[in-house]
Amino acid sequence: MATCTTKITAGLDPSCEALDKIGGVNKTIYFGNLDELTFTLNGAGYIDSVALTASPAAFLYKFVGKTKKHNSTFELQVGENTNTWKQAVIAKLYFYFPDERAAIEALTTADDLVAFVQTESGLFEVYGYTKGIRVESATGANGILIQDDTSLTVTISGEEVALPKVLQLGAALPAADAYLTENIDALDALT
């Protein structure tokens, strides 16, 4: 009988960027359908290309909220066969008109999504890039008082075999001045 043992293969000496990373998620999140996207990773482990491959034409869909309202999480799930990471994007969505409501309904019924999340620390992280994520819950209310929260909180999650990948759709590396501009321009071109 074979003995299957997974061994540690790397150590960690965090960069200053890792040690000083601030929290928070930017107000814009891009979503796409996993089966319409093709990714490549470069030798450093960054996702360095994103292509839309569906016919008729596919797009990324931009969801804009308020500053410092979205969140993203990743939690280790210990399993019998392998450990996985439950990746989740928690979006605070605001709606009033019918087209805004229709966009939320389309998001909440979609299967196998991919989310491109800009963190306040200056990275773009990609959630669900191999298995996809889907809506797990959505809760909203009109509130009672004038200052009550009237947004809809939508949790989109799924299990992946790794932490969220980092996007690098240009020459600039994370922490470089041009990194965010290059990635936002590339993602906007796919919307």
C-alpha atoms as a PDB file:
ATOM      1  CA  MET A   1       0.000   0.000   0.000  1.00  0.00           C
ATOM      2  CA  ALA A   2       1.265   3.438  -0.915  1.00  0.00           C
ATOM      3  CA  THR A   3       1.915   5.989   1.789  1.00  0.00           C
ATOM      4  CA  CYS A   4       0.792   9.441   0.736  1.00  0.00           C
ATOM      5  CA  THR A   5       2.349  12.225   2.737  1.00  0.00           C
ATOM      6  CA  THR A   6       2.332  15.902   1.877  1.00  0.00           C
ATOM      7  CA  LYS A   7       5.415  17.736   3.074  1.00  0.00           C
ATOM      8  CA  ILE A   8       6.186  21.383   3.651  1.00  0.00           C
ATOM      9  CA  THR A   9       8.186  22.770   0.731  1.00  0.00           C
ATOM     10  CA  ALA A  10       8.778  26.468   1.487  1.00  0.00           C
ATOM     11  CA  GLY A  11       9.420  28.889   4.314  1.00  0.00           C
ATOM     12  CA  LEU A  12       8.082  32.412   4.848  1.00  0.00           C
ATOM     13  CA  ASP A  13       9.935  35.655   5.518  1.00  0.00           C
ATOM     14  CA  PRO A  14       7.211  38.287   4.898  1.00  0.00           C
ATOM     15  CA  SER A  15       7.941  41.405   2.852  1.00  0.00           C
ATOM     16  CA  CYS A  16       7.407  44.849   4.328  1.00  0.00           C
ATOM     17  CA  GLU A  17       4.321  45.129   2.101  1.00  0.00           C
ATOM     18  CA  ALA A  18       2.892  41.988   3.739  1.00  0.00           C
ATOM     19  CA  LEU A  19       3.719  43.138   7.258  1.00  0.00           C
ATOM     20  CA  ASP A  20       2.301  46.631   6.731  1.00  0.00           C
ATOM     21  CA  LYS A  21      -0.701  45.675   4.532  1.00  0.00           C
ATOM     22  CA  ILE A  22      -3.834  47.627   5.363  1.00  0.00           C
ATOM     23  CA  GLY A  23      -7.323  46.128   5.353  1.00  0.00           C
ATOM     24  CA  GLY A  24     -10.342  46.863   3.258  1.00  0.00           C
ATOM     25  CA  VAL A  25     -11.768  46.340  -0.207  1.00  0.00           C
ATOM     26  CA  ASN A  26     -12.243  49.030  -2.862  1.00  0.00           C
ATOM     27  CA  LYS A  27     -15.781  50.048  -3.826  1.00  0.00           C
ATOM     28  CA  THR A  28     -15.613  48.348  -7.272  1.00  0.00           C
ATOM     29  CA  ILE A  29     -15.768  44.575  -7.819  1.00  0.00           C
ATOM     30  CA  TYR A  30     -15.733  42.935 -11.253  1.00  0.00           C
ATOM     31  CA  PHE A  31     -17.618  39.652 -11.795  1.00  0.00           C
ATOM     32  CA  GLY A  32     -17.437  37.247 -14.711  1.00  0.00           C
ATOM     33  CA  ASN A  33     -18.692  33.772 -15.582  1.00  0.00           C
ATOM     34  CA  LEU A  34     -16.011  31.122 -15.034  1.00  0.00           C
ATOM     35  CA  ASP A  35     -16.872  29.183 -18.201  1.00  0.00           C
ATOM     36  CA  GLU A  36     -16.349  32.347 -20.290  1.00  0.00           C
ATOM     37  CA  LEU A  37     -12.884  33.138 -18.908  1.00  0.00           C
ATOM     38  CA  THR A  38      -9.424  31.745 -19.601  1.00  0.00           C
ATOM     39  CA  PHE A  39      -6.486  32.554 -17.322  1.00  0.00           C
ATOM     40  CA  THR A  40      -2.741  32.080 -17.535  1.00  0.00           C
ATOM     41  CA  LEU A  41      -0.274  32.277 -14.681  1.00  0.00           C
ATOM     42  CA  ASN A  42       3.294  33.470 -15.067  1.00  0.00           C
ATOM     43  CA  GLY A  43       6.320  31.852 -13.438  1.00  0.00           C
ATOM     44  CA  ALA A  44       5.963  34.035 -10.335  1.00  0.00           C
ATOM     45  CA  GLY A  45       2.384  32.833  -9.739  1.00  0.00           C
ATOM     46  CA  TYR A  46       0.508  35.972 -10.861  1.00  0.00           C
ATOM     47  CA  ILE A  47      -2.489  35.717 -13.183  1.00  0.00           C
ATOM     48  CA  ASP A  48      -0.990  37.593 -16.114  1.00  0.00           C
ATOM     49  CA  SER A  49      -3.755  37.229 -18.694  1.00  0.00           C
ATOM     50  CA  VAL A  50      -7.528  37.076 -18.663  1.00  0.00           C
ATOM     51  CA  ALA A  51      -9.364  36.316 -21.889  1.00  0.00           C
ATOM     52  CA  LEU A  52     -13.092  36.174 -22.571  1.00  0.00           C
ATOM     53  CA  THR A  53     -13.823  33.073 -24.648  1.00  0.00           C
ATOM     54  CA  ALA A  54     -17.603  32.812 -25.077  1.00  0.00           C
ATOM     55  CA  SER A  55     -19.755  33.258 -28.138  1.00  0.00           C
ATOM     56  CA  PRO A  56     -21.710  35.493 -28.362  1.00  0.00           C
ATOM     57  CA  ALA A  57     -19.371  38.007 -26.756  1.00  0.00           C
ATOM     58  CA  ALA A  58     -18.825  37.704 -23.020  1.00  0.00           C
ATOM     59  CA  PHE A  59     -18.075  40.509 -20.596  1.00  0.00           C
ATOM     60  CA  LEU A  60     -16.997  41.266 -17.066  1.00  0.00           C
ATOM     61  CA  TYR A  61     -19.658  43.054 -15.031  1.00  0.00           C
ATOM     62  CA  LYS A  62     -18.705  45.961 -12.793  1.00  0.00           C
ATOM     63  CA  PHE A  63     -20.494  46.385  -9.456  1.00  0.00           C
ATOM     64  CA  VAL A  64     -19.809  49.685  -7.711  1.00  0.00           C
ATOM     65  CA  GLY A  65     -20.762  50.287  -4.099  1.00  0.00           C
ATOM     66  CA  LYS A  66     -19.588  52.673  -1.410  1.00  0.00           C
ATOM     67  CA  THR A  67     -16.067  53.024  -0.073  1.00  0.00           C
ATOM     68  CA  LYS A  68     -15.142  50.697   2.784  1.00  0.00           C
ATOM     69  CA  LYS A  69     -18.326  48.596   2.623  1.00  0.00           C
ATOM     70  CA  HIS A  70     -17.267  45.417   0.722  1.00  0.00           C
ATOM     71  CA  ASN A  71     -15.215  42.614   2.272  1.00  0.00           C
ATOM     72  CA  SER A  72     -13.478  39.453   1.150  1.00  0.00           C
ATOM     73  CA  THR A  73     -12.443  36.433   3.187  1.00  0.00           C
ATOM     74  CA  PHE A  74     -10.640  33.121   2.793  1.00  0.00           C
ATOM     75  CA  GLU A  75     -10.916  30.373   5.387  1.00  0.00           C
ATOM     76  CA  LEU A  76      -9.157  27.023   5.454  1.00  0.00           C
ATOM     77  CA  GLN A  77     -11.564  24.076   5.255  1.00  0.00           C
ATOM     78  CA  VAL A  78      -9.966  20.879   6.573  1.00  0.00           C
ATOM     79  CA  GLY A  79     -11.148  17.883   4.574  1.00  0.00           C
ATOM     80  CA  GLU A  80     -10.698  14.150   4.495  1.00  0.00           C
ATOM     81  CA  ASN A  81      -9.137  14.080   1.022  1.00  0.00           C
ATOM     82  CA  THR A  82      -7.527  17.505   0.872  1.00  0.00           C
ATOM     83  CA  ASN A  83      -7.723  20.896   2.503  1.00  0.00           C
ATOM     84  CA  THR A  84      -9.426  23.704   0.589  1.00  0.00           C
ATOM     85  CA  TRP A  85      -9.920  27.434   0.987  1.00  0.00           C
ATOM     86  CA  LYS A  86     -13.433  28.814   1.248  1.00  0.00           C
ATOM     87  CA  GLN A  87     -13.084  32.046  -0.687  1.00  0.00           C
ATOM     88  CA  ALA A  88     -15.827  34.630  -0.196  1.00  0.00           C
ATOM     89  CA  VAL A  89     -16.669  38.088  -1.476  1.00  0.00           C
ATOM     90  CA  ILE A  90     -19.136  40.000   0.677  1.00  0.00           C
ATOM     91  CA  ALA A  91     -20.604  42.801  -1.426  1.00  0.00           C
ATOM     92  CA  LYS A  92     -22.792  45.631  -0.142  1.00  0.00           C
ATOM     93  CA  LEU A  93     -24.994  46.474  -3.115  1.00  0.00           C
ATOM     94  CA  TYR A  94     -27.220  49.520  -3.477  1.00  0.00           C
ATOM     95  CA  PHE A  95     -30.330  49.598  -5.662  1.00  0.00           C
ATOM     96  CA  TYR A  96     -33.337  51.760  -6.441  1.00  0.00           C
ATOM     97  CA  PHE A  97     -34.303  51.545 -10.135  1.00  0.00           C
ATOM     98  CA  PRO A  98     -35.447  48.405 -12.015  1.00  0.00           C
ATOM     99  CA  ASP A  99     -32.166  48.022 -13.945  1.00  0.00           C
ATOM    100  CA  GLU A 100     -30.220  48.078 -10.659  1.00  0.00           C
ATOM    101  CA  ARG A 101     -32.525  45.401  -9.248  1.00  0.00           C
ATOM    102  CA  ALA A 102     -32.144  43.318 -12.430  1.00  0.00           C
ATOM    103  CA  ALA A 103     -28.332  43.418 -12.126  1.00  0.00           C
ATOM    104  CA  ILE A 104     -28.541  42.108  -8.557  1.00  0.00           C
ATOM    105  CA  GLU A 105     -30.990  39.377  -9.589  1.00  0.00           C
ATOM    106  CA  ALA A 106     -28.641  38.297 -12.400  1.00  0.00           C
ATOM    107  CA  LEU A 107     -25.725  38.115  -9.952  1.00  0.00           C
ATOM    108  CA  THR A 108     -27.684  36.145  -7.369  1.00  0.00           C
ATOM    109  CA  THR A 109     -28.848  33.497  -9.863  1.00  0.00           C
ATOM    110  CA  ALA A 110     -25.528  32.995 -11.697  1.00  0.00           C
ATOM    111  CA  ASP A 111     -23.490  29.818 -11.299  1.00  0.00           C
ATOM    112  CA  ASP A 112     -19.701  29.620 -11.135  1.00  0.00           C
ATOM    113  CA  LEU A 113     -18.636  33.250 -10.911  1.00  0.00           C
ATOM    114  CA  VAL A 114     -15.158  34.736 -10.732  1.00  0.00           C
ATOM    115  CA  ALA A 115     -14.602  37.952  -8.757  1.00  0.00           C
ATOM    116  CA  PHE A 116     -11.813  40.479  -9.276  1.00  0.00           C
ATOM    117  CA  VAL A 117     -11.406  42.375  -6.009  1.00  0.00           C
ATOM    118  CA  GLN A 118      -9.205  45.433  -5.505  1.00  0.00           C
ATOM    119  CA  THR A 119      -7.934  45.568  -1.942  1.00  0.00           C
ATOM    120  CA  GLU A 120      -7.178  48.849  -0.208  1.00  0.00           C
ATOM    121  CA  SER A 121      -3.601  47.583   0.180  1.00  0.00           C
ATOM    122  CA  GLY A 122      -3.192  47.925  -3.590  1.00  0.00           C
ATOM    123  CA  LEU A 123      -3.615  44.362  -4.884  1.00  0.00           C
ATOM    124  CA  PHE A 124      -6.139  42.847  -7.247  1.00  0.00           C
ATOM    125  CA  GLU A 125      -7.132  39.397  -5.965  1.00  0.00           C
ATOM    126  CA  VAL A 126      -9.066  36.845  -8.018  1.00  0.00           C
ATOM    127  CA  TYR A 127     -11.669  34.680  -6.239  1.00  0.00           C
ATOM    128  CA  GLY A 128     -13.061  31.482  -7.758  1.00  0.00           C
ATOM    129  CA  TYR A 129     -10.656  31.314 -10.675  1.00  0.00           C
ATOM    130  CA  THR A 130     -10.538  27.497 -10.921  1.00  0.00           C
ATOM    131  CA  LYS A 131     -13.822  26.195  -9.443  1.00  0.00           C
ATOM    132  CA  GLY A 132     -16.014  29.290  -9.385  1.00  0.00           C
ATOM    133  CA  ILE A 133     -17.965  30.915  -6.583  1.00  0.00           C
ATOM    134  CA  ARG A 134     -21.705  31.457  -6.309  1.00  0.00           C
ATOM    135  CA  VAL A 135     -24.132  33.370  -4.158  1.00  0.00           C
ATOM    136  CA  GLU A 136     -24.529  31.775  -0.734  1.00  0.00           C
ATOM    137  CA  SER A 137     -26.781  34.381   0.829  1.00  0.00           C
ATOM    138  CA  ALA A 138     -28.329  37.792   0.283  1.00  0.00           C
ATOM    139  CA  THR A 139     -29.984  39.936   2.936  1.00  0.00           C
ATOM    140  CA  GLY A 140     -31.416  43.412   2.719  1.00  0.00           C
ATOM    141  CA  ALA A 141     -33.923  45.650   4.460  1.00  0.00           C
ATOM    142  CA  ASN A 142     -35.466  49.095   4.204  1.00  0.00           C
ATOM    143  CA  GLY A 143     -34.828  49.735   7.861  1.00  0.00           C
ATOM    144  CA  ILE A 144     -36.908  51.637  10.369  1.00  0.00           C
ATOM    145  CA  LEU A 145     -34.958  54.844  10.922  1.00  0.00           C
ATOM    146  CA  ILE A 146     -33.697  57.344   8.360  1.00  0.00           C
ATOM    147  CA  GLN A 147     -30.051  56.345   8.952  1.00  0.00           C
ATOM    148  CA  ASP A 148     -30.665  52.562   8.768  1.00  0.00           C
ATOM    149  CA  ASP A 149     -28.701  50.554   6.225  1.00  0.00           C
ATOM    150  CA  THR A 150     -30.784  50.002   3.066  1.00  0.00           C
ATOM    151  CA  SER A 151     -28.188  48.046   1.110  1.00  0.00           C
ATOM    152  CA  LEU A 152     -28.281  44.376   0.177  1.00  0.00           C
ATOM    153  CA  THR A 153     -25.445  42.267   1.594  1.00  0.00           C
ATOM    154  CA  VAL A 154     -24.572  39.479  -0.850  1.00  0.00           C
ATOM    155  CA  THR A 155     -22.107  36.719   0.042  1.00  0.00           C
ATOM    156  CA  ILE A 156     -20.576  34.940  -2.966  1.00  0.00           C
ATOM    157  CA  SER A 157     -18.372  32.000  -2.011  1.00  0.00           C
ATOM    158  CA  GLY A 158     -16.904  28.663  -2.985  1.00  0.00           C
ATOM    159  CA  GLU A 159     -14.081  26.243  -2.280  1.00  0.00           C
ATOM    160  CA  GLU A 160     -10.755  26.524  -4.069  1.00  0.00           C
ATOM    161  CA  VAL A 161      -7.538  24.576  -3.595  1.00  0.00           C
ATOM    162  CA  ALA A 162      -5.444  27.714  -3.037  1.00  0.00           C
ATOM    163  CA  LEU A 163      -5.632  31.233  -1.669  1.00  0.00           C
ATOM    164  CA  PRO A 164      -6.976  33.903  -4.048  1.00  0.00           C
ATOM    165  CA  LYS A 165      -4.505  34.578  -6.847  1.00  0.00           C
ATOM    166  CA  VAL A 166      -3.028  38.025  -7.489  1.00  0.00           C
ATOM    167  CA  LEU A 167      -3.657  39.750 -10.815  1.00  0.00           C
ATOM    168  CA  GLN A 168      -0.866  41.314 -12.883  1.00  0.00           C
ATOM    169  CA  LEU A 169      -2.296  42.384 -16.259  1.00  0.00           C
ATOM    170  CA  GLY A 170       0.567  44.715 -17.107  1.00  0.00           C
ATOM    171  CA  ALA A 171       4.285  45.131 -16.612  1.00  0.00           C
ATOM    172  CA  ALA A 172       4.045  46.756 -13.170  1.00  0.00           C
ATOM    173  CA  LEU A 173       4.335  44.559 -10.104  1.00  0.00           C
ATOM    174  CA  PRO A 174       2.109  45.080  -7.046  1.00  0.00           C
ATOM    175  CA  ALA A 175       3.305  48.050  -4.949  1.00  0.00           C
ATOM    176  CA  ALA A 176       4.484  49.860  -8.130  1.00  0.00           C
ATOM    177  CA  ASP A 177       2.743  53.126  -8.998  1.00  0.00           C
ATOM    178  CA  ALA A 178       1.381  51.879 -12.347  1.00  0.00           C
ATOM    179  CA  TYR A 179       0.034  48.533 -11.038  1.00  0.00           C
ATOM    180  CA  LEU A 180      -3.524  49.627 -10.199  1.00  0.00           C
ATOM    181  CA  THR A 181      -3.932  51.740 -13.334  1.00  0.00           C
ATOM    182  CA  GLU A 182      -2.777  48.895 -15.605  1.00  0.00           C
ATOM    183  CA  ASN A 183      -5.109  46.371 -13.989  1.00  0.00           C
ATOM    184  CA  ILE A 184      -8.151  48.679 -13.827  1.00  0.00           C
ATOM    185  CA  ASP A 185      -7.682  49.616 -17.492  1.00  0.00           C
ATOM    186  CA  ALA A 186      -7.381  45.946 -18.495  1.00  0.00           C
ATOM    187  CA  LEU A 187     -10.476  44.915 -16.518  1.00  0.00           C
ATOM    188  CA  ASP A 188     -12.496  47.921 -17.740  1.00  0.00           C
ATOM    189  CA  ALA A 189     -11.664  46.899 -21.329  1.00  0.00           C
ATOM    190  CA  LEU A 190     -13.405  43.573 -20.657  1.00  0.00           C
ATOM    191  CA  THR A 191     -16.663  45.169 -19.394  1.00  0.00           C
END
